[in-house]
Amino acid sequence: MVTAPPPDLLTERTHSHMEVIGRGFLARHLASLATRHPQVTALAAGVSTTGEVEQSAYQREAALLYDVIDACRRQGRTLLFFSTASAAMYGGSGGRGHEDGPVRPQSRYGHHKLSLENVVRLSGVRHLTVRLSHVLGPDQPAHQMLPTLVRAVRSGRVDVHRGACRDIIDVADMVSDVDTLLRAGVSGQVVNVASGIAVPAEHIIDHLQARLGGPLERRYLDRPSRYEVSLDKLFRLTSGAAGRKFPDDYYKKVIDNCLSCAAL
């Protein structure tokens, strides 16, 4: 789903704050960085699901990106662009999800994000592209991974993709890592921001069932998408200030934080 920016977002003006384009989940949490990076424009409006959407949604995101690139070029600003470190990008790579290695996107969403990364790279504007894993937190859109799974578990029936895994990160940790990258002056790079933990889908379902209770019928589907996300580059570019692998049970804390939100 593409969230249209307010009409004045792309107007030429002097910025004293980081410009955040978008009104959704990501944009709201990035707002906490507003006073820290006044020369940055963060594009946080675009397709926000790895599932299938209408082609027109991808076209609107691409058109918005071109407009933002033009504005950044005129104003001499740094573009912060968000791509994906999900299975849509790394699921077919057969490796550890390194940003500078070959990828084999597994969906139209993955192909779309990879093509927009190339648009940004060739644009000539100062930029930083961040590949995000599954970001979880308060006020998450209902169509995204965790709210969808919560509804399924509460309904008493869930589809489990055998052999699949997910890398999840708390939105507060994501914002902290992005802040660290910007403070380090990183630009012209594609960088993963993730937990670095490939959590089997079954483990996520197990924890949700333990927390939510009730009987649960599981239908197993053979849709493996085993992948890992490397944090080596994030660690190196920030001199170790970000990119340290989280504990193996980190995902439980992230899920518990979300479940404590009234919206779920």
Protein backbone atom coordinates (compact mmCIF):
# COMPACT_ATOMS: atom_id res chain seq x y z
CA MET A 1 0.00 0.00 0.00
CA VAL A 2 1.39 3.40 -0.96
CA THR A 3 0.62 6.28 1.37
CA ALA A 4 0.50 9.53 -0.54
CA PRO A 5 2.56 12.32 1.03
CA PRO A 6 0.95 15.60 2.05
CA PRO A 7 0.94 18.12 -0.83
CA ASP A 8 3.67 20.28 0.70
CA LEU A 9 6.18 17.49 1.35
CA LEU A 10 8.06 17.91 -1.91
CA THR A 11 8.05 21.71 -1.99
CA GLU A 12 11.37 23.52 -1.94
CA ARG A 13 12.18 25.01 1.44
CA THR A 14 14.89 25.26 4.06
CA HIS A 15 14.89 22.22 6.33
CA SER A 16 15.76 22.32 10.01
CA HIS A 17 14.61 18.73 10.56
CA MET A 18 14.91 15.40 8.84
CA GLU A 19 12.16 15.21 6.24
CA VAL A 20 10.08 12.06 6.58
CA ILE A 21 7.83 11.34 3.61
CA GLY A 22 4.93 9.13 4.59
CA ARG A 23 2.33 8.80 7.32
CA GLY A 24 2.46 5.08 8.11
CA PHE A 25 4.07 2.77 10.66
CA LEU A 26 7.67 3.37 9.59
CA ALA A 27 7.27 7.11 9.15
CA ARG A 28 5.75 7.58 12.60
CA HIS A 29 8.65 5.84 14.31
CA LEU A 30 11.30 7.62 12.24
CA ALA A 31 9.86 10.92 13.45
CA SER A 32 11.89 10.48 16.65
CA LEU A 33 15.01 11.24 14.58
CA ALA A 34 13.60 14.47 13.16
CA THR A 35 16.00 16.88 14.87
CA ARG A 36 19.09 14.72 14.45
CA HIS A 37 19.60 14.63 10.69
CA PRO A 38 18.36 17.86 9.08
CA GLN A 39 19.94 17.16 5.68
CA VAL A 40 18.23 13.78 5.23
CA THR A 41 15.00 12.98 3.41
CA ALA A 42 13.59 9.60 4.46
CA LEU A 43 11.22 8.00 1.99
CA ALA A 44 8.92 5.96 4.23
CA ALA A 45 5.92 5.68 1.92
CA GLY A 46 5.51 2.71 -0.36
CA VAL A 47 4.35 -0.86 -0.73
CA SER A 48 4.47 -2.27 2.80
CA THR A 49 3.68 -5.93 2.25
CA THR A 50 5.67 -8.76 0.70
CA GLY A 51 2.40 -10.22 -0.56
CA GLU A 52 0.74 -9.55 -3.85
CA VAL A 53 -0.64 -6.07 -4.52
CA GLU A 54 -1.93 -4.31 -7.61
CA GLN A 55 0.70 -3.28 -10.15
CA SER A 56 -0.56 0.30 -9.79
CA ALA A 57 0.75 0.37 -6.20
CA TYR A 58 4.26 -0.42 -7.41
CA GLN A 59 3.95 2.20 -10.11
CA ARG A 60 2.90 4.87 -7.61
CA GLU A 61 5.86 4.06 -5.38
CA ALA A 62 8.26 4.29 -8.33
CA ALA A 63 6.78 7.63 -9.43
CA LEU A 64 7.09 8.99 -5.88
CA LEU A 65 10.71 7.86 -5.71
CA TYR A 66 11.58 9.76 -8.90
CA ASP A 67 9.93 12.90 -7.49
CA VAL A 68 11.85 12.58 -4.22
CA ILE A 69 15.14 12.02 -6.06
CA ASP A 70 14.54 15.21 -8.08
CA ALA A 71 13.80 17.16 -4.88
CA CYS A 72 16.92 15.80 -3.16
CA ARG A 73 19.03 16.73 -6.18
CA ARG A 74 17.72 20.30 -6.23
CA GLN A 75 18.12 20.76 -2.49
CA GLY A 76 21.40 18.89 -2.02
CA ARG A 77 19.84 16.45 0.44
CA THR A 78 20.65 12.84 1.33
CA LEU A 79 18.00 10.29 0.39
CA LEU A 80 17.29 7.52 2.91
CA PHE A 81 15.58 4.73 0.97
CA PHE A 82 14.11 1.57 2.51
CA SER A 83 14.31 -1.76 0.71
CA THR A 84 13.83 -5.30 2.00
CA ALA A 85 16.00 -7.91 3.71
CA SER A 86 13.14 -10.42 3.76
CA ALA A 87 12.85 -13.75 1.99
CA ALA A 88 11.52 -11.74 -0.96
CA MET A 89 15.11 -10.55 -1.51
CA TYR A 90 17.32 -13.23 0.05
CA GLY A 91 15.18 -16.35 0.00
CA GLY A 92 16.62 -17.67 -3.23
CA SER A 93 20.22 -16.65 -2.70
CA GLY A 94 21.35 -19.76 -0.85
CA GLY A 95 23.75 -17.70 1.23
CA ARG A 96 23.94 -15.49 4.29
CA GLY A 97 22.21 -12.45 2.85
CA HIS A 98 25.20 -10.24 2.07
CA GLU A 99 24.31 -6.87 0.58
CA ASP A 100 27.13 -6.87 -1.97
CA GLY A 101 26.55 -10.40 -3.24
CA PRO A 102 24.13 -11.68 -5.88
CA VAL A 103 20.48 -12.03 -4.95
CA ARG A 104 17.59 -13.91 -6.51
CA PRO A 105 14.34 -12.17 -5.53
CA GLN A 106 11.53 -14.64 -4.91
CA SER A 107 8.53 -12.42 -5.61
CA ARG A 108 7.35 -9.41 -7.53
CA TYR A 109 7.86 -7.39 -4.35
CA GLY A 110 11.53 -8.43 -4.18
CA HIS A 111 12.11 -7.64 -7.85
CA HIS A 112 10.40 -4.27 -7.38
CA LYS A 113 12.58 -3.29 -4.43
CA LEU A 114 15.76 -4.41 -6.18
CA SER A 115 14.91 -2.33 -9.25
CA LEU A 116 14.24 0.75 -7.08
CA GLU A 117 17.58 0.21 -5.33
CA ASN A 118 19.22 0.48 -8.75
CA VAL A 119 17.29 3.66 -9.54
CA VAL A 120 18.61 5.20 -6.31
CA ARG A 121 22.15 3.97 -6.94
CA LEU A 122 22.27 5.48 -10.44
CA SER A 123 20.48 8.71 -9.53
CA GLY A 124 23.59 10.68 -8.62
CA VAL A 125 22.12 11.91 -5.32
CA ARG A 126 23.77 11.25 -2.01
CA HIS A 127 21.91 8.29 -0.57
CA LEU A 128 21.74 5.41 1.87
CA THR A 129 19.66 2.32 1.09
CA VAL A 130 18.61 0.26 4.10
CA ARG A 131 17.33 -3.28 3.60
CA LEU A 132 14.94 -3.98 6.45
CA SER A 133 13.91 -7.37 7.77
CA HIS A 134 10.44 -7.79 9.32
CA VAL A 135 10.02 -4.75 11.59
CA LEU A 136 7.61 -5.25 14.49
CA GLY A 137 6.19 -2.69 16.87
CA PRO A 138 3.18 -0.73 18.13
CA ASP A 139 0.48 0.34 15.67
CA GLN A 140 1.63 -2.08 12.98
CA PRO A 141 -0.60 -2.31 9.88
CA ALA A 142 -3.10 -5.16 10.06
CA HIS A 143 -1.89 -6.72 6.80
CA GLN A 144 1.69 -7.25 7.98
CA MET A 145 3.19 -10.46 9.33
CA LEU A 146 2.58 -10.39 13.08
CA PRO A 147 -0.99 -9.01 13.12
CA THR A 148 -1.89 -11.57 10.46
CA LEU A 149 -0.43 -14.43 12.52
CA VAL A 150 -2.11 -13.20 15.71
CA ARG A 151 -5.51 -13.24 14.01
CA ALA A 152 -4.85 -16.74 12.68
CA VAL A 153 -3.77 -18.13 16.06
CA ARG A 154 -6.76 -16.55 17.77
CA SER A 155 -9.04 -18.10 15.15
CA GLY A 156 -7.67 -21.54 16.06
CA ARG A 157 -6.19 -22.36 12.65
CA VAL A 158 -2.91 -21.36 11.07
CA ASP A 159 -0.93 -22.28 7.99
CA VAL A 160 2.72 -23.09 8.77
CA HIS A 161 5.27 -22.90 5.99
CA ARG A 162 7.53 -25.86 6.64
CA GLY A 163 11.19 -24.91 6.30
CA ALA A 164 10.49 -21.16 6.33
CA CYS A 165 12.11 -18.67 8.66
CA ARG A 166 11.80 -14.98 9.43
CA ASP A 167 14.26 -12.38 10.70
CA ILE A 168 12.37 -9.93 12.92
CA ILE A 169 13.53 -6.74 14.62
CA ASP A 170 11.85 -4.38 17.04
CA VAL A 171 11.07 -1.00 15.47
CA ALA A 172 12.95 0.80 18.26
CA ASP A 173 16.11 -1.19 17.51
CA MET A 174 15.65 -0.53 13.79
CA VAL A 175 15.40 3.23 14.36
CA SER A 176 18.49 3.11 16.59
CA ASP A 177 20.52 1.31 13.90
CA VAL A 178 19.41 3.76 11.20
CA ASP A 179 20.35 6.65 13.48
CA THR A 180 23.77 5.09 14.02
CA LEU A 181 24.36 4.69 10.27
CA LEU A 182 23.43 8.32 9.61
CA ARG A 183 25.57 9.61 12.48
CA ALA A 184 28.48 7.61 11.05
CA GLY A 185 28.03 9.44 7.74
CA VAL A 186 27.47 6.26 5.76
CA SER A 187 26.35 6.95 2.19
CA GLY A 188 26.39 5.33 -1.22
CA GLN A 189 25.80 1.96 0.39
CA VAL A 190 23.16 -0.76 0.69
CA VAL A 191 23.07 -1.97 4.31
CA ASN A 192 21.02 -4.63 6.08
CA VAL A 193 19.26 -3.64 9.30
CA ALA A 194 17.96 -6.78 10.98
CA SER A 195 18.39 -8.98 14.05
CA GLY A 196 20.64 -11.49 12.30
CA ILE A 197 18.53 -14.37 13.65
CA ALA A 198 16.76 -16.75 11.26
CA VAL A 199 13.77 -17.81 13.38
CA PRO A 200 11.91 -20.89 12.12
CA ALA A 201 8.27 -20.12 11.40
CA GLU A 202 7.23 -22.97 13.72
CA HIS A 203 8.99 -21.27 16.64
CA ILE A 204 7.11 -18.03 16.05
CA ILE A 205 3.81 -19.93 16.00
CA ASP A 206 4.80 -21.86 19.14
CA HIS A 207 5.45 -18.65 21.05
CA LEU A 208 2.24 -17.01 19.88
CA GLN A 209 0.22 -20.06 20.92
CA ALA A 210 1.91 -20.10 24.32
CA ARG A 211 1.09 -16.44 24.84
CA LEU A 212 -2.42 -16.39 23.39
CA GLY A 213 -3.58 -19.84 24.55
CA GLY A 214 -6.35 -21.96 23.12
CA PRO A 215 -6.36 -24.94 20.74
CA LEU A 216 -4.61 -24.51 17.42
CA GLU A 217 -4.94 -26.53 14.24
CA ARG A 218 -1.79 -26.33 12.12
CA ARG A 219 -1.83 -26.99 8.41
CA TYR A 220 1.70 -27.55 7.12
CA LEU A 221 2.60 -26.28 3.66
CA ASP A 222 5.84 -27.07 1.86
CA ARG A 223 6.98 -23.54 1.09
CA PRO A 224 10.54 -23.38 2.37
CA SER A 225 12.21 -20.00 2.41
CA ARG A 226 15.25 -20.52 4.57
CA TYR A 227 17.57 -17.52 4.55
CA GLU A 228 19.85 -15.51 6.79
CA VAL A 229 20.61 -11.80 6.93
CA SER A 230 24.23 -10.79 7.40
CA LEU A 231 25.03 -7.96 9.81
CA ASP A 232 28.75 -7.90 8.95
CA LYS A 233 28.53 -4.76 6.84
CA LEU A 234 26.40 -2.89 9.39
CA PHE A 235 28.93 -3.78 12.09
CA ARG A 236 31.89 -2.70 9.94
CA LEU A 237 30.42 0.60 8.71
CA THR A 238 29.47 1.68 12.24
CA SER A 239 32.71 0.47 13.86
CA GLY A 240 30.74 -1.98 15.95
CA ALA A 241 28.19 0.54 17.25
CA ALA A 242 25.47 -1.45 15.45
CA GLY A 243 25.29 -4.89 13.91
CA ARG A 244 25.88 -7.07 16.93
CA LYS A 245 23.76 -10.21 16.71
CA PHE A 246 20.87 -10.32 19.15
CA PRO A 247 20.30 -13.28 21.54
CA ASP A 248 18.59 -16.30 19.99
CA ASP A 249 15.40 -15.68 22.02
CA TYR A 250 15.25 -11.98 21.05
CA TYR A 251 12.22 -12.62 18.84
CA LYS A 252 10.18 -13.61 21.90
CA LYS A 253 10.79 -10.23 23.53
CA VAL A 254 9.86 -8.42 20.32
CA ILE A 255 6.63 -10.40 19.98
CA ASP A 256 5.76 -9.92 23.67
CA ASN A 257 6.23 -6.15 23.32
CA CYS A 258 3.80 -6.16 20.40
CA LEU A 259 1.25 -8.32 22.20
CA SER A 260 1.19 -5.82 25.04
CA CYS A 261 -0.18 -3.22 22.61
CA ALA A 262 -3.94 -2.83 22.67
CA ALA A 263 -4.09 -2.84 18.84
CA LEU A 264 -3.15 -6.54 18.74
